[in-house]
Amino acid sequence: MTREEVLRRYKIPAEILDEYEPQGQEYDDSDIERISTIMTLRDIGFNKEDIKMYMLLEQTGVSTVKERLKILEVKRSALLDEMHKNEKQLECLDYLRYMIKKSKE
């Protein structure tokens, strides 16, 4: 499959292909799967260095499963912490809104 077919069919941003382009001119199923994983990692907040490290581990294979799971667990924990922080901020914001509305009465 050509670059243009990949861009059109899978709606992969061109900058992803520019950054992680396979060696040849054609893309096979394994290239698409690898790029899909890269896009997922980007979507959940991994930076370029983290993506490269994760993908190197993935290419190594089954022997790195525990390490990859650990990386994902750390990211998950950080996302949960951020969500809890945002929930607390939202509660404070709602309280201030409530107080303003109450004072108008």
Protein backbone atom coordinates (compact mmCIF):
# COMPACT_ATOMS: atom_id res chain seq x y z
CA MET A 1 0.00 0.00 0.00
CA THR A 2 1.33 3.45 -0.85
CA ARG A 3 1.65 6.43 1.47
CA GLU A 4 -1.33 8.13 -0.15
CA GLU A 5 -3.49 5.01 0.28
CA VAL A 6 -2.52 4.80 3.96
CA LEU A 7 -3.32 8.48 4.51
CA ARG A 8 -6.68 8.17 2.80
CA ARG A 9 -7.82 4.75 4.02
CA TYR A 10 -6.71 4.94 7.66
CA LYS A 11 -6.88 8.72 8.14
CA ILE A 12 -3.43 8.72 9.68
CA PRO A 13 -2.03 12.25 9.99
CA ALA A 14 0.80 12.92 7.56
CA GLU A 15 3.09 14.06 10.39
CA ILE A 16 2.83 10.59 11.95
CA LEU A 17 3.96 8.99 8.71
CA ASP A 18 6.71 11.59 8.32
CA GLU A 19 8.03 10.79 11.78
CA TYR A 20 7.65 7.01 11.77
CA GLU A 21 7.92 6.15 8.09
CA PRO A 22 8.84 2.53 7.33
CA GLN A 23 12.03 1.75 5.45
CA GLY A 24 10.43 1.04 2.08
CA GLN A 25 7.97 2.88 -0.10
CA GLU A 26 5.16 0.41 0.56
CA TYR A 27 3.23 -0.17 3.79
CA ASP A 28 2.20 -3.63 4.88
CA ASP A 29 -0.17 -4.75 7.65
CA SER A 30 2.59 -4.76 10.26
CA ASP A 31 3.44 -1.13 9.41
CA ILE A 32 -0.22 -0.14 9.80
CA GLU A 33 -0.45 -1.98 13.12
CA ARG A 34 2.74 -0.27 14.37
CA ILE A 35 1.51 3.16 13.29
CA SER A 36 -1.85 2.47 14.95
CA THR A 37 -0.06 1.71 18.22
CA ILE A 38 1.97 4.90 17.88
CA MET A 39 -1.21 6.93 17.35
CA THR A 40 -2.80 5.34 20.41
CA LEU A 41 0.25 6.15 22.53
CA ARG A 42 0.16 9.77 21.30
CA ASP A 43 -3.55 10.00 22.05
CA ILE A 44 -3.02 8.93 25.66
CA GLY A 45 -0.26 11.48 26.18
CA PHE A 46 3.03 9.75 25.50
CA ASN A 47 5.80 12.04 24.25
CA LYS A 48 8.11 11.13 21.35
CA GLU A 49 10.82 9.66 23.56
CA ASP A 50 8.32 7.51 25.48
CA ILE A 51 6.80 6.30 22.21
CA LYS A 52 10.20 5.34 20.84
CA MET A 53 11.08 3.46 24.03
CA TYR A 54 7.73 1.65 24.11
CA MET A 55 7.96 0.70 20.43
CA LEU A 56 11.50 -0.63 20.87
CA LEU A 57 10.24 -2.79 23.69
CA GLU A 58 7.31 -3.97 21.59
CA GLN A 59 9.62 -4.91 18.73
CA THR A 60 11.67 -6.97 21.18
CA GLY A 61 8.62 -9.13 21.76
CA VAL A 62 7.11 -11.22 24.51
CA SER A 63 10.10 -10.85 26.82
CA THR A 64 9.18 -7.20 27.42
CA VAL A 65 5.49 -7.68 28.28
CA LYS A 66 5.98 -6.95 31.99
CA GLU A 67 7.99 -3.81 31.25
CA ARG A 68 5.40 -2.52 28.76
CA LEU A 69 2.59 -3.21 31.22
CA LYS A 70 4.50 -1.31 33.89
CA ILE A 71 4.88 1.69 31.56
CA LEU A 72 1.14 1.62 30.83
CA GLU A 73 0.28 1.28 34.52
CA VAL A 74 2.44 4.30 35.39
CA LYS A 75 0.73 6.34 32.64
CA ARG A 76 -2.69 5.15 33.81
CA SER A 77 -1.92 6.17 37.37
CA ALA A 78 -0.77 9.62 36.24
CA LEU A 79 -3.95 10.08 34.19
CA LEU A 80 -6.10 9.06 37.16
CA ASP A 81 -4.25 11.53 39.39
CA GLU A 82 -4.89 14.27 36.84
CA MET A 83 -8.57 13.32 36.64
CA HIS A 84 -8.93 13.50 40.42
CA LYS A 85 -7.21 16.88 40.46
CA ASN A 86 -9.60 18.12 37.76
CA GLU A 87 -12.59 16.77 39.69
CA LYS A 88 -11.51 18.71 42.78
CA GLN A 89 -11.08 21.86 40.72
CA LEU A 90 -14.53 21.38 39.25
CA GLU A 91 -16.02 20.96 42.73
CA CYS A 92 -14.39 24.22 43.84
CA LEU A 93 -15.63 26.00 40.74
CA ASP A 94 -19.16 24.69 41.31
CA TYR A 95 -19.03 25.82 44.93
CA LEU A 96 -18.04 29.35 43.88
CA ARG A 97 -20.85 29.41 41.32
CA TYR A 98 -23.27 28.25 43.99
CA MET A 99 -22.11 30.96 46.39
CA ILE A 100 -22.50 33.67 43.75
CA LYS A 101 -25.98 32.49 42.82
CA LYS A 102 -26.95 32.24 46.50
CA SER A 103 -25.77 35.78 47.21
CA LYS A 104 -28.00 37.12 44.42
CA GLU A 105 -31.11 35.80 46.15
